[in-house]
């Protein structure tokens, strides 16, 4: 039950952070906010896994990784943004969104993992 509460509180905090940061950036340059939260989340999770290793069994670790970062990042919004761009006659921007989101997300996770491991 303690783990569920950690995940729930983390998820609530992550969702509010995504709403705030993602919304702020998307108002200025859509879909920059979605890309930013996913890349930041990938970087932070990479750092944490670099510090903790791949075993995330402690309640607070699950609350941070699954709850906070799961609530902060968003695959569904990324997918919807991509489809919306495509449907609105911007296939090049849609493809760039996919390339940037996936490429930068993986690069951020690798960089975070390296930072976390060097700090551990």
PDB file of N, CA and C in Angstrom:
ATOM      1  N   UNK A   1       0.818  -1.201   0.000  1.00  0.00           N
ATOM      2  CA  UNK A   1       0.000   0.000   0.000  1.00  0.00           C
ATOM      3  C   UNK A   1       0.859   1.260   0.000  1.00  0.00           C
ATOM      4  N   UNK A   2       1.989   1.214   0.690  1.00  0.00           N
ATOM      5  CA  UNK A   2       2.883   2.366   0.724  1.00  0.00           C
ATOM      6  C   UNK A   2       3.390   2.686  -0.679  1.00  0.00           C
ATOM      7  N   UNK A   3       3.736   1.655  -1.444  1.00  0.00           N
ATOM      8  CA  UNK A   3       4.222   1.861  -2.813  1.00  0.00           C
ATOM      9  C   UNK A   3       3.159   2.526  -3.667  1.00  0.00           C
ATOM     10  N   UNK A   4       1.926   2.093  -3.526  1.00  0.00           N
ATOM     11  CA  UNK A   4       0.827   2.682  -4.302  1.00  0.00           C
ATOM     12  C   UNK A   4       0.687   4.166  -3.982  1.00  0.00           C
ATOM     13  N   UNK A   5       0.821   4.531  -2.723  1.00  0.00           N
ATOM     14  CA  UNK A   5       0.732   5.946  -2.348  1.00  0.00           C
ATOM     15  C   UNK A   5       1.887   6.755  -2.922  1.00  0.00           C
ATOM     16  N   UNK A   6       3.099   6.203  -2.878  1.00  0.00           N
ATOM     17  CA  UNK A   6       4.248   6.878  -3.488  1.00  0.00           C
ATOM     18  C   UNK A   6       3.994   7.116  -4.977  1.00  0.00           C
ATOM     19  N   UNK A   7       3.524   6.099  -5.667  1.00  0.00           N
ATOM     20  CA  UNK A   7       3.269   6.216  -7.104  1.00  0.00           C
ATOM     21  C   UNK A   7       2.144   7.229  -7.360  1.00  0.00           C
ATOM     22  N   UNK A   8       1.101   7.187  -6.567  1.00  0.00           N
ATOM     23  CA  UNK A   8      -0.021   8.113  -6.743  1.00  0.00           C
ATOM     24  C   UNK A   8       0.402   9.563  -6.530  1.00  0.00           C
ATOM     25  N   UNK A   9       1.104   9.830  -5.456  1.00  0.00           N
ATOM     26  CA  UNK A   9       1.549  11.203  -5.190  1.00  0.00           C
ATOM     27  C   UNK A   9       2.551  11.667  -6.245  1.00  0.00           C
ATOM     28  N   UNK A  10       3.461  10.767  -6.630  1.00  0.00           N
ATOM     29  CA  UNK A  10       4.413  11.106  -7.685  1.00  0.00           C
ATOM     30  C   UNK A  10       3.714  11.395  -8.996  1.00  0.00           C
ATOM     31  N   UNK A  11       2.736  10.563  -9.337  1.00  0.00           N
ATOM     32  CA  UNK A  11       1.977  10.755 -10.574  1.00  0.00           C
ATOM     33  C   UNK A  11       1.238  12.080 -10.590  1.00  0.00           C
ATOM     34  N   UNK A  12       0.649  12.447  -9.471  1.00  0.00           N
ATOM     35  CA  UNK A  12      -0.061  13.730  -9.385  1.00  0.00           C
ATOM     36  C   UNK A  12       0.908  14.887  -9.587  1.00  0.00           C
ATOM     37  N   UNK A  13       2.049  14.836  -8.919  1.00  0.00           N
ATOM     38  CA  UNK A  13       3.040  15.913  -9.042  1.00  0.00           C
ATOM     39  C   UNK A  13       3.590  15.980 -10.464  1.00  0.00           C
ATOM     40  N   UNK A  14       3.880  14.821 -11.059  1.00  0.00           N
ATOM     41  CA  UNK A  14       4.401  14.797 -12.419  1.00  0.00           C
ATOM     42  C   UNK A  14       3.404  15.331 -13.431  1.00  0.00           C
ATOM     43  N   UNK A  15       2.138  14.994 -13.259  1.00  0.00           N
ATOM     44  CA  UNK A  15       1.102  15.465 -14.179  1.00  0.00           C
ATOM     45  C   UNK A  15       0.945  16.980 -14.108  1.00  0.00           C
ATOM     46  N   UNK A  16       0.981  17.527 -12.909  1.00  0.00           N
ATOM     47  CA  UNK A  16       0.882  18.982 -12.751  1.00  0.00           C
ATOM     48  C   UNK A  16       2.100  19.666 -13.368  1.00  0.00           C
ATOM     49  N   UNK A  17       3.275  19.083 -13.162  1.00  0.00           N
ATOM     50  CA  UNK A  17       4.489  19.653 -13.757  1.00  0.00           C
ATOM     51  C   UNK A  17       4.412  19.611 -15.284  1.00  0.00           C
ATOM     52  N   UNK A  18       3.926  18.491 -15.846  1.00  0.00           N
ATOM     53  CA  UNK A  18       3.783  18.390 -17.305  1.00  0.00           C
ATOM     54  C   UNK A  18       2.784  19.417 -17.813  1.00  0.00           C
ATOM     55  N   UNK A  19       1.664  19.528 -17.146  1.00  0.00           N
ATOM     56  CA  UNK A  19       0.638  20.494 -17.548  1.00  0.00           C
ATOM     57  C   UNK A  19       1.208  21.904 -17.559  1.00  0.00           C
ATOM     58  N   UNK A  20       1.972  22.239 -16.537  1.00  0.00           N
ATOM     59  CA  UNK A  20       2.523  23.590 -16.410  1.00  0.00           C
ATOM     60  C   UNK A  20       3.605  23.858 -17.449  1.00  0.00           C
ATOM     61  N   UNK A  21       4.642  23.032 -17.470  1.00  0.00           N
ATOM     62  CA  UNK A  21       5.759  23.257 -18.398  1.00  0.00           C
ATOM     63  C   UNK A  21       5.355  22.996 -19.844  1.00  0.00           C
ATOM     64  N   UNK A  22       4.698  21.855 -20.078  1.00  0.00           N
ATOM     65  CA  UNK A  22       4.287  21.525 -21.439  1.00  0.00           C
ATOM     66  C   UNK A  22       3.338  22.560 -22.014  1.00  0.00           C
ATOM     67  N   UNK A  23       2.388  22.986 -21.224  1.00  0.00           N
ATOM     68  CA  UNK A  23       1.440  24.005 -21.682  1.00  0.00           C
ATOM     69  C   UNK A  23       2.109  25.331 -21.982  1.00  0.00           C
ATOM     70  N   UNK A  24       3.018  25.732 -21.110  1.00  0.00           N
ATOM     71  CA  UNK A  24       3.747  26.988 -21.298  1.00  0.00           C
ATOM     72  C   UNK A  24       4.515  26.975 -22.617  1.00  0.00           C
ATOM     73  N   UNK A  25       5.245  25.895 -22.865  1.00  0.00           N
ATOM     74  CA  UNK A  25       6.046  25.816 -24.085  1.00  0.00           C
ATOM     75  C   UNK A  25       5.189  25.595 -25.324  1.00  0.00           C
ATOM     76  N   UNK A  26       4.145  24.792 -25.216  1.00  0.00           N
ATOM     77  CA  UNK A  26       3.284  24.531 -26.374  1.00  0.00           C
ATOM     78  C   UNK A  26       2.544  25.785 -26.825  1.00  0.00           C
ATOM     79  N   UNK A  27       2.241  26.693 -25.908  1.00  0.00           N
ATOM     80  CA  UNK A  27       1.592  27.950 -26.296  1.00  0.00           C
ATOM     81  C   UNK A  27       2.507  28.792 -27.175  1.00  0.00           C
ATOM     82  N   UNK A  28       3.802  28.614 -27.020  1.00  0.00           N
ATOM     83  CA  UNK A  28       4.773  29.398 -27.764  1.00  0.00           C
ATOM     84  C   UNK A  28       5.220  28.716 -29.052  1.00  0.00           C
ATOM     85  N   UNK A  29       5.359  27.400 -29.017  1.00  0.00           N
ATOM     86  CA  UNK A  29       5.842  26.671 -30.200  1.00  0.00           C
ATOM     87  C   UNK A  29       5.420  25.208 -30.088  1.00  0.00           C
ATOM     88  N   UNK A  30       4.221  24.929 -30.524  1.00  0.00           N
ATOM     89  CA  UNK A  30       3.688  23.562 -30.464  1.00  0.00           C
ATOM     90  C   UNK A  30       4.412  22.678 -31.461  1.00  0.00           C
ATOM     91  N   UNK A  31       4.858  21.492 -31.161  1.00  0.00           N
ATOM     92  CA  UNK A  31       4.726  20.690 -29.950  1.00  0.00           C
ATOM     93  C   UNK A  31       5.979  20.688 -29.069  1.00  0.00           C
ATOM     94  N   UNK A  32       6.650  21.826 -28.959  1.00  0.00           N
ATOM     95  CA  UNK A  32       7.888  21.917 -28.177  1.00  0.00           C
ATOM     96  C   UNK A  32       7.690  21.462 -26.733  1.00  0.00           C
ATOM     97  N   UNK A  33       6.571  21.770 -26.130  1.00  0.00           N
ATOM     98  CA  UNK A  33       6.326  21.382 -24.738  1.00  0.00           C
ATOM     99  C   UNK A  33       6.313  19.873 -24.553  1.00  0.00           C
ATOM    100  N   UNK A  34       5.670  19.179 -25.478  1.00  0.00           N
ATOM    101  CA  UNK A  34       5.613  17.719 -25.390  1.00  0.00           C
ATOM    102  C   UNK A  34       7.005  17.119 -25.570  1.00  0.00           C
ATOM    103  N   UNK A  35       7.733  17.631 -26.557  1.00  0.00           N
ATOM    104  CA  UNK A  35       9.104  17.151 -26.766  1.00  0.00           C
ATOM    105  C   UNK A  35       9.935  17.414 -25.517  1.00  0.00           C
ATOM    106  N   UNK A  36       9.831  18.614 -24.963  1.00  0.00           N
ATOM    107  CA  UNK A  36      10.644  18.984 -23.799  1.00  0.00           C
ATOM    108  C   UNK A  36      10.370  18.096 -22.592  1.00  0.00           C
ATOM    109  N   UNK A  37       9.108  17.855 -22.266  1.00  0.00           N
ATOM    110  CA  UNK A  37       8.839  17.034 -21.082  1.00  0.00           C
ATOM    111  C   UNK A  37       9.316  15.602 -21.289  1.00  0.00           C
ATOM    112  N   UNK A  38       9.194  15.084 -22.501  1.00  0.00           N
ATOM    113  CA  UNK A  38       9.654  13.721 -22.745  1.00  0.00           C
ATOM    114  C   UNK A  38      11.174  13.612 -22.709  1.00  0.00           C
ATOM    115  N   UNK A  39      11.871  14.605 -23.239  1.00  0.00           N
ATOM    116  CA  UNK A  39      13.339  14.585 -23.213  1.00  0.00           C
ATOM    117  C   UNK A  39      13.845  14.806 -21.786  1.00  0.00           C
ATOM    118  N   UNK A  40      13.260  15.754 -21.065  1.00  0.00           N
ATOM    119  CA  UNK A  40      13.666  15.989 -19.673  1.00  0.00           C
ATOM    120  C   UNK A  40      13.409  14.744 -18.828  1.00  0.00           C
ATOM    121  N   UNK A  41      12.253  14.140 -18.997  1.00  0.00           N
ATOM    122  CA  UNK A  41      11.930  12.917 -18.257  1.00  0.00           C
ATOM    123  C   UNK A  41      12.900  11.794 -18.571  1.00  0.00           C
ATOM    124  N   UNK A  42      13.279  11.656 -19.839  1.00  0.00           N
ATOM    125  CA  UNK A  42      14.247  10.624 -20.237  1.00  0.00           C
ATOM    126  C   UNK A  42      15.607  10.883 -19.600  1.00  0.00           C
ATOM    127  N   UNK A  43      16.023  12.131 -19.579  1.00  0.00           N
ATOM    128  CA  UNK A  43      17.305  12.495 -18.970  1.00  0.00           C
ATOM    129  C   UNK A  43      17.302  12.189 -17.474  1.00  0.00           C
ATOM    130  N   UNK A  44      16.264  12.630 -16.787  1.00  0.00           N
ATOM    131  CA  UNK A  44      16.188  12.421 -15.334  1.00  0.00           C
ATOM    132  C   UNK A  44      16.117  10.932 -15.001  1.00  0.00           C
ATOM    133  N   UNK A  45      15.315  10.179 -15.734  1.00  0.00           N
ATOM    134  CA  UNK A  45      15.240   8.741 -15.476  1.00  0.00           C
ATOM    135  C   UNK A  45      16.583   8.070 -15.748  1.00  0.00           C
ATOM    136  N   UNK A  46      17.274   8.506 -16.789  1.00  0.00           N
ATOM    137  CA  UNK A  46      18.603   7.973 -17.059  1.00  0.00           C
ATOM    138  C   UNK A  46      19.564   8.227 -15.908  1.00  0.00           C
ATOM    139  N   UNK A  47      19.538   9.444 -15.369  1.00  0.00           N
ATOM    140  CA  UNK A  47      20.396   9.774 -14.221  1.00  0.00           C
ATOM    141  C   UNK A  47      20.054   8.871 -13.040  1.00  0.00           C
ATOM    142  N   UNK A  48      18.773   8.739 -12.751  1.00  0.00           N
ATOM    143  CA  UNK A  48      18.358   7.932 -11.602  1.00  0.00           C
ATOM    144  C   UNK A  48      18.739   6.467 -11.759  1.00  0.00           C
ATOM    145  N   UNK A  49      18.549   5.930 -12.940  1.00  0.00           N
ATOM    146  CA  UNK A  49      18.920   4.530 -13.168  1.00  0.00           C
ATOM    147  C   UNK A  49      20.441   4.372 -13.098  1.00  0.00           C
ATOM    148  N   UNK A  50      21.169   5.389 -13.559  1.00  0.00           N
ATOM    149  CA  UNK A  50      22.618   5.364 -13.418  1.00  0.00           C
ATOM    150  C   UNK A  50      23.053   5.332 -11.969  1.00  0.00           C
ATOM    151  N   UNK A  51      22.315   6.029 -11.117  1.00  0.00           N
ATOM    152  CA  UNK A  51      22.617   6.048  -9.684  1.00  0.00           C
ATOM    153  C   UNK A  51      22.137   4.786  -8.979  1.00  0.00           C
ATOM    154  N   UNK A  52      20.928   4.335  -9.323  1.00  0.00           N
ATOM    155  CA  UNK A  52      20.291   3.222  -8.615  1.00  0.00           C
ATOM    156  C   UNK A  52      20.580   1.858  -9.214  1.00  0.00           C
ATOM    157  N   UNK A  53      20.873   1.794 -10.493  1.00  0.00           N
ATOM    158  CA  UNK A  53      20.887   0.525 -11.204  1.00  0.00           C
ATOM    159  C   UNK A  53      19.480   0.262 -11.726  1.00  0.00           C
ATOM    160  N   UNK A  54      19.286  -0.852 -12.369  1.00  0.00           N
ATOM    161  CA  UNK A  54      17.996  -1.138 -12.992  1.00  0.00           C
ATOM    162  C   UNK A  54      16.991  -1.780 -12.053  1.00  0.00           C
ATOM    163  N   UNK A  55      17.341  -1.975 -10.809  1.00  0.00           N
ATOM    164  CA  UNK A  55      16.401  -2.544  -9.844  1.00  0.00           C
ATOM    165  C   UNK A  55      15.740  -1.412  -9.069  1.00  0.00           C
ATOM    166  N   UNK A  56      14.475  -1.177  -9.374  1.00  0.00           N
ATOM    167  CA  UNK A  56      13.724  -0.066  -8.791  1.00  0.00           C
ATOM    168  C   UNK A  56      12.667  -0.579  -7.824  1.00  0.00           C
ATOM    169  N   UNK A  57      13.037  -1.404  -6.877  1.00  0.00           N
ATOM    170  CA  UNK A  57      12.033  -2.054  -6.056  1.00  0.00           C
ATOM    171  C   UNK A  57      11.593  -1.254  -4.832  1.00  0.00           C
ATOM    172  N   UNK A  58      12.328  -0.266  -4.423  1.00  0.00           N
ATOM    173  CA  UNK A  58      11.945   0.512  -3.249  1.00  0.00           C
ATOM    174  C   UNK A  58      10.752   1.414  -3.578  1.00  0.00           C
ATOM    175  N   UNK A  59       9.883   1.604  -2.597  1.00  0.00           N
ATOM    176  CA  UNK A  59       8.657   2.377  -2.810  1.00  0.00           C
ATOM    177  C   UNK A  59       8.950   3.789  -3.312  1.00  0.00           C
ATOM    178  N   UNK A  60       9.930   4.457  -2.708  1.00  0.00           N
ATOM    179  CA  UNK A  60      10.208   5.836  -3.131  1.00  0.00           C
ATOM    180  C   UNK A  60      10.783   5.878  -4.548  1.00  0.00           C
ATOM    181  N   UNK A  61      11.551   4.856  -4.926  1.00  0.00           N
ATOM    182  CA  UNK A  61      12.080   4.818  -6.290  1.00  0.00           C
ATOM    183  C   UNK A  61      10.958   4.612  -7.309  1.00  0.00           C
ATOM    184  N   UNK A  62      10.021   3.746  -6.995  1.00  0.00           N
ATOM    185  CA  UNK A  62       8.874   3.544  -7.878  1.00  0.00           C
ATOM    186  C   UNK A  62       8.009   4.803  -7.930  1.00  0.00           C
ATOM    187  N   UNK A  63       7.883   5.476  -6.810  1.00  0.00           N
ATOM    188  CA  UNK A  63       7.123   6.720  -6.780  1.00  0.00           C
ATOM    189  C   UNK A  63       7.731   7.785  -7.669  1.00  0.00           C
ATOM    190  N   UNK A  64       9.054   7.816  -7.727  1.00  0.00           N
ATOM    191  CA  UNK A  64       9.739   8.803  -8.564  1.00  0.00           C
ATOM    192  C   UNK A  64       9.748   8.359 -10.024  1.00  0.00           C
ATOM    193  N   UNK A  65      10.151   7.111 -10.280  1.00  0.00           N
ATOM    194  CA  UNK A  65      10.303   6.670 -11.670  1.00  0.00           C
ATOM    195  C   UNK A  65       8.951   6.451 -12.361  1.00  0.00           C
ATOM    196  N   UNK A  66       8.089   5.652 -11.768  1.00  0.00           N
ATOM    197  CA  UNK A  66       6.795   5.363 -12.389  1.00  0.00           C
ATOM    198  C   UNK A  66       5.800   6.492 -12.132  1.00  0.00           C
ATOM    199  N   UNK A  67       5.738   6.967 -10.906  1.00  0.00           N
ATOM    200  CA  UNK A  67       4.774   8.007 -10.563  1.00  0.00           C
ATOM    201  C   UNK A  67       5.139   9.371 -11.130  1.00  0.00           C
ATOM    202  N   UNK A  68       6.172   9.969 -10.580  1.00  0.00           N
ATOM    203  CA  UNK A  68       6.555  11.336 -10.957  1.00  0.00           C
ATOM    204  C   UNK A  68       6.923  11.433 -12.433  1.00  0.00           C
ATOM    205  N   UNK A  69       7.873  10.617 -12.878  1.00  0.00           N
ATOM    206  CA  UNK A  69       8.322  10.720 -14.266  1.00  0.00           C
ATOM    207  C   UNK A  69       7.310  10.134 -15.240  1.00  0.00           C
ATOM    208  N   UNK A  70       6.558   9.128 -14.806  1.00  0.00           N
ATOM    209  CA  UNK A  70       5.487   8.600 -15.650  1.00  0.00           C
ATOM    210  C   UNK A  70       4.372   9.614 -15.848  1.00  0.00           C
ATOM    211  N   UNK A  71       4.067  10.367 -14.793  1.00  0.00           N
ATOM    212  CA  UNK A  71       3.069  11.420 -14.900  1.00  0.00           C
ATOM    213  C   UNK A  71       3.574  12.628 -15.676  1.00  0.00           C
ATOM    214  N   UNK A  72       4.885  12.859 -15.613  1.00  0.00           N
ATOM    215  CA  UNK A  72       5.484  14.010 -16.286  1.00  0.00           C
ATOM    216  C   UNK A  72       5.619  13.791 -17.787  1.00  0.00           C
ATOM    217  N   UNK A  73       6.056  12.606 -18.183  1.00  0.00           N
ATOM    218  CA  UNK A  73       6.241  12.337 -19.608  1.00  0.00           C
ATOM    219  C   UNK A  73       4.935  11.855 -20.219  1.00  0.00           C
ATOM    220  N   UNK A  74       4.857  11.888 -21.554  1.00  0.00           N
ATOM    221  CA  UNK A  74       3.587  11.548 -22.179  1.00  0.00           C
ATOM    222  C   UNK A  74       3.762  11.012 -23.592  1.00  0.00           C
ATOM    223  N   UNK A  75       3.531   9.729 -23.752  1.00  0.00           N
ATOM    224  CA  UNK A  75       3.588   9.142 -25.089  1.00  0.00           C
ATOM    225  C   UNK A  75       2.301   9.434 -25.856  1.00  0.00           C
ATOM    226  N   UNK A  76       1.183   9.403 -25.173  1.00  0.00           N
ATOM    227  CA  UNK A  76      -0.091   9.601 -25.868  1.00  0.00           C
ATOM    228  C   UNK A  76      -0.190  11.002 -26.467  1.00  0.00           C
ATOM    229  N   UNK A  77       0.273  12.016 -25.765  1.00  0.00           N
ATOM    230  CA  UNK A  77       0.231  13.371 -26.308  1.00  0.00           C
ATOM    231  C   UNK A  77       1.184  13.495 -27.488  1.00  0.00           C
ATOM    232  N   UNK A  78       2.353  12.863 -27.381  1.00  0.00           N
ATOM    233  CA  UNK A  78       3.299  12.831 -28.502  1.00  0.00           C
ATOM    234  C   UNK A  78       2.628  12.218 -29.732  1.00  0.00           C
ATOM    235  N   UNK A  79       1.941  11.100 -29.558  1.00  0.00           N
ATOM    236  CA  UNK A  79       1.269  10.443 -30.683  1.00  0.00           C
ATOM    237  C   UNK A  79       0.181  11.340 -31.262  1.00  0.00           C
ATOM    238  N   UNK A  80      -0.619  11.960 -30.400  1.00  0.00           N
ATOM    239  CA  UNK A  80      -1.697  12.831 -30.865  1.00  0.00           C
ATOM    240  C   UNK A  80      -1.143  14.077 -31.558  1.00  0.00           C
ATOM    241  N   UNK A  81      -0.079  14.664 -31.005  1.00  0.00           N
ATOM    242  CA  UNK A  81       0.557  15.820 -31.657  1.00  0.00           C
ATOM    243  C   UNK A  81       1.006  15.459 -33.066  1.00  0.00           C
ATOM    244  N   UNK A  82       1.623  14.300 -33.194  1.00  0.00           N
ATOM    245  CA  UNK A  82       2.121  13.856 -34.498  1.00  0.00           C
ATOM    246  C   UNK A  82       0.972  13.681 -35.484  1.00  0.00           C
ATOM    247  N   UNK A  83      -0.091  13.015 -35.053  1.00  0.00           N
ATOM    248  CA  UNK A  83      -1.248  12.822 -35.932  1.00  0.00           C
ATOM    249  C   UNK A  83      -1.908  14.145 -36.298  1.00  0.00           C
ATOM    250  N   UNK A  84      -1.994  15.046 -35.349  1.00  0.00           N
ATOM    251  CA  UNK A  84      -2.596  16.353 -35.593  1.00  0.00           C
ATOM    252  C   UNK A  84      -1.793  17.142 -36.632  1.00  0.00           C
ATOM    253  N   UNK A  85      -0.487  17.128 -36.498  1.00  0.00           N
ATOM    254  CA  UNK A  85       0.357  17.816 -37.476  1.00  0.00           C
ATOM    255  C   UNK A  85       0.154  17.218 -38.871  1.00  0.00           C
ATOM    256  N   UNK A  86       0.123  15.898 -38.936  1.00  0.00           N
ATOM    257  CA  UNK A  86      -0.058  15.209 -40.219  1.00  0.00           C
ATOM    258  C   UNK A  86      -1.419  15.570 -40.832  1.00  0.00           C
ATOM    259  N   UNK A  87      -2.456  15.484 -40.017  1.00  0.00           N
ATOM    260  CA  UNK A  87      -3.820  15.768 -40.491  1.00  0.00           C
ATOM    261  C   UNK A  87      -3.989  17.222 -40.917  1.00  0.00           C
ATOM    262  N   UNK A  88      -3.211  18.110 -40.331  1.00  0.00           N
ATOM    263  CA  UNK A  88      -3.310  19.533 -40.666  1.00  0.00           C
ATOM    264  C   UNK A  88      -2.368  19.934 -41.796  1.00  0.00           C
ATOM    265  N   UNK A  89      -1.921  18.944 -42.559  1.00  0.00           N
ATOM    266  CA  UNK A  89      -1.127  19.226 -43.746  1.00  0.00           C
ATOM    267  C   UNK A  89       0.321  19.567 -43.475  1.00  0.00           C
ATOM    268  N   UNK A  90       0.859  19.095 -42.370  1.00  0.00           N
ATOM    269  CA  UNK A  90       2.256  19.356 -42.038  1.00  0.00           C
ATOM    270  C   UNK A  90       3.009  18.037 -41.850  1.00  0.00           C
ATOM    271  N   UNK A  91       3.054  17.202 -42.878  1.00  0.00           N
ATOM    272  CA  UNK A  91       3.702  15.904 -42.715  1.00  0.00           C
ATOM    273  C   UNK A  91       5.192  16.019 -42.390  1.00  0.00           C
ATOM    274  N   UNK A  92       5.865  17.018 -42.927  1.00  0.00           N
ATOM    275  CA  UNK A  92       7.287  17.201 -42.622  1.00  0.00           C
ATOM    276  C   UNK A  92       7.513  17.523 -41.156  1.00  0.00           C
ATOM    277  N   UNK A  93       6.657  18.364 -40.598  1.00  0.00           N
ATOM    278  CA  UNK A  93       6.766  18.703 -39.181  1.00  0.00           C
ATOM    279  C   UNK A  93       6.415  17.492 -38.322  1.00  0.00           C
ATOM    280  N   UNK A  94       5.435  16.708 -38.762  1.00  0.00           N
ATOM    281  CA  UNK A  94       5.058  15.487 -38.032  1.00  0.00           C
ATOM    282  C   UNK A  94       6.225  14.510 -37.985  1.00  0.00           C
ATOM    283  N   UNK A  95       6.884  14.313 -39.117  1.00  0.00           N
ATOM    284  CA  UNK A  95       8.034  13.409 -39.167  1.00  0.00           C
ATOM    285  C   UNK A  95       9.182  13.961 -38.322  1.00  0.00           C
ATOM    286  N   UNK A  96       9.396  15.261 -38.390  1.00  0.00           N
ATOM    287  CA  UNK A  96      10.443  15.884 -37.566  1.00  0.00           C
ATOM    288  C   UNK A  96      10.131  15.723 -36.083  1.00  0.00           C
ATOM    289  N   UNK A  97       8.847  15.796 -35.726  1.00  0.00           N
ATOM    290  CA  UNK A  97       8.440  15.607 -34.335  1.00  0.00           C
ATOM    291  C   UNK A  97       8.797  14.202 -33.861  1.00  0.00           C
ATOM    292  N   UNK A  98       8.537  13.204 -34.691  1.00  0.00           N
ATOM    293  CA  UNK A  98       8.869  11.823 -34.343  1.00  0.00           C
ATOM    294  C   UNK A  98      10.380  11.669 -34.196  1.00  0.00           C
ATOM    295  N   UNK A  99      11.116  12.171 -35.176  1.00  0.00           N
ATOM    296  CA  UNK A  99      12.572  12.039 -35.153  1.00  0.00           C
ATOM    297  C   UNK A  99      13.173  12.759 -33.940  1.00  0.00           C
ATOM    298  N   UNK A 100      12.711  13.969 -33.676  1.00  0.00           N
ATOM    299  CA  UNK A 100      13.238  14.739 -32.548  1.00  0.00           C
ATOM    300  C   UNK A 100      12.872  14.086 -31.223  1.00  0.00           C
ATOM    301  N   UNK A 101      11.637  13.686 -31.084  1.00  0.00           N
ATOM    302  CA  UNK A 101      11.185  13.092 -29.822  1.00  0.00           C
ATOM    303  C   UNK A 101      11.925  11.797 -29.507  1.00  0.00           C
ATOM    304  N   UNK A 102      11.988  10.909 -30.481  1.00  0.00           N
ATOM    305  CA  UNK A 102      12.642   9.620 -30.253  1.00  0.00           C
ATOM    306  C   UNK A 102      14.157   9.792 -30.139  1.00  0.00           C
ATOM    307  N   UNK A 103      14.748  10.507 -31.078  1.00  0.00           N
ATOM    308  CA  UNK A 103      16.199  10.689 -31.071  1.00  0.00           C
ATOM    309  C   UNK A 103      16.700  11.420 -29.840  1.00  0.00           C
ATOM    310  N   UNK A 104      16.066  12.549 -29.523  1.00  0.00           N
ATOM    311  CA  UNK A 104      16.491  13.316 -28.352  1.00  0.00           C
ATOM    312  C   UNK A 104      16.183  12.577 -27.058  1.00  0.00           C
ATOM    313  N   UNK A 105      15.060  11.874 -27.023  1.00  0.00           N
ATOM    314  CA  UNK A 105      14.714  11.105 -25.820  1.00  0.00           C
ATOM    315  C   UNK A 105      15.738  10.026 -25.516  1.00  0.00           C
ATOM    316  N   UNK A 106      16.121   9.290 -26.534  1.00  0.00           N
ATOM    317  CA  UNK A 106      17.126   8.236 -26.335  1.00  0.00           C
ATOM    318  C   UNK A 106      18.475   8.845 -25.996  1.00  0.00           C
ATOM    319  N   UNK A 107      18.860   9.908 -26.698  1.00  0.00           N
ATOM    320  CA  UNK A 107      20.135  10.575 -26.403  1.00  0.00           C
ATOM    321  C   UNK A 107      20.149  11.110 -24.969  1.00  0.00           C
ATOM    322  N   UNK A 108      19.027  11.675 -24.519  1.00  0.00           N
ATOM    323  CA  UNK A 108      18.945  12.196 -23.151  1.00  0.00           C
ATOM    324  C   UNK A 108      19.035  11.070 -22.133  1.00  0.00           C
ATOM    325  N   UNK A 109      18.386   9.945 -22.410  1.00  0.00           N
ATOM    326  CA  UNK A 109      18.461   8.798 -21.490  1.00  0.00           C
ATOM    327  C   UNK A 109      19.889   8.276 -21.395  1.00  0.00           C
ATOM    328  N   UNK A 110      20.589   8.199 -22.521  1.00  0.00           N
ATOM    329  CA  UNK A 110      21.981   7.747 -22.517  1.00  0.00           C
ATOM    330  C   UNK A 110      22.853   8.729 -21.737  1.00  0.00           C
ATOM    331  N   UNK A 111      22.676  10.021 -21.998  1.00  0.00           N
ATOM    332  CA  UNK A 111      23.457  11.035 -21.287  1.00  0.00           C
ATOM    333  C   UNK A 111      23.176  10.980 -19.788  1.00  0.00           C
ATOM    334  N   UNK A 112      21.911  10.836 -19.433  1.00  0.00           N
ATOM    335  CA  UNK A 112      21.547  10.745 -18.021  1.00  0.00           C
ATOM    336  C   UNK A 112      22.136   9.518 -17.357  1.00  0.00           C
ATOM    337  N   UNK A 113      22.086   8.390 -18.034  1.00  0.00           N
ATOM    338  CA  UNK A 113      22.657   7.159 -17.498  1.00  0.00           C
ATOM    339  C   UNK A 113      24.153   7.322 -17.251  1.00  0.00           C
ATOM    340  N   UNK A 114      24.828   7.920 -18.203  1.00  0.00           N
ATOM    341  CA  UNK A 114      26.268   8.157 -18.040  1.00  0.00           C
ATOM    342  C   UNK A 114      26.553   9.106 -16.870  1.00  0.00           C
ATOM    343  N   UNK A 115      25.740  10.175 -16.749  1.00  0.00           N
ATOM    344  CA  UNK A 115      25.915  11.106 -15.620  1.00  0.00           C
ATOM    345  C   UNK A 115      25.657  10.425 -14.289  1.00  0.00           C
ATOM    346  N   UNK A 116      24.586   9.651 -14.235  1.00  0.00           N
ATOM    347  CA  UNK A 116      24.258   8.948 -12.996  1.00  0.00           C
ATOM    348  C   UNK A 116      25.320   7.958 -12.598  1.00  0.00           C
ATOM    349  N   UNK A 117      25.813   7.208 -13.554  1.00  0.00           N
ATOM    350  CA  UNK A 117      26.867   6.221 -13.258  1.00  0.00           C
ATOM    351  C   UNK A 117      28.152   6.899 -12.817  1.00  0.00           C
ATOM    352  N   UNK A 118      28.471   8.030 -13.396  1.00  0.00           N
ATOM    353  CA  UNK A 118      29.705   8.707 -12.995  1.00  0.00           C
ATOM    354  C   UNK A 118      29.569   9.353 -11.617  1.00  0.00           C
ATOM    355  N   UNK A 119      28.346   9.670 -11.220  1.00  0.00           N
ATOM    356  CA  UNK A 119      28.118  10.256  -9.896  1.00  0.00           C
ATOM    357  C   UNK A 119      27.981   9.209  -8.805  1.00  0.00           C
ATOM    358  N   UNK A 120      27.653   7.967  -9.193  1.00  0.00           N
ATOM    359  CA  UNK A 120      27.425   6.909  -8.205  1.00  0.00           C
ATOM    360  C   UNK A 120      28.727   6.427  -7.601  1.00  0.00           C
TER     361      UNK A 120
END
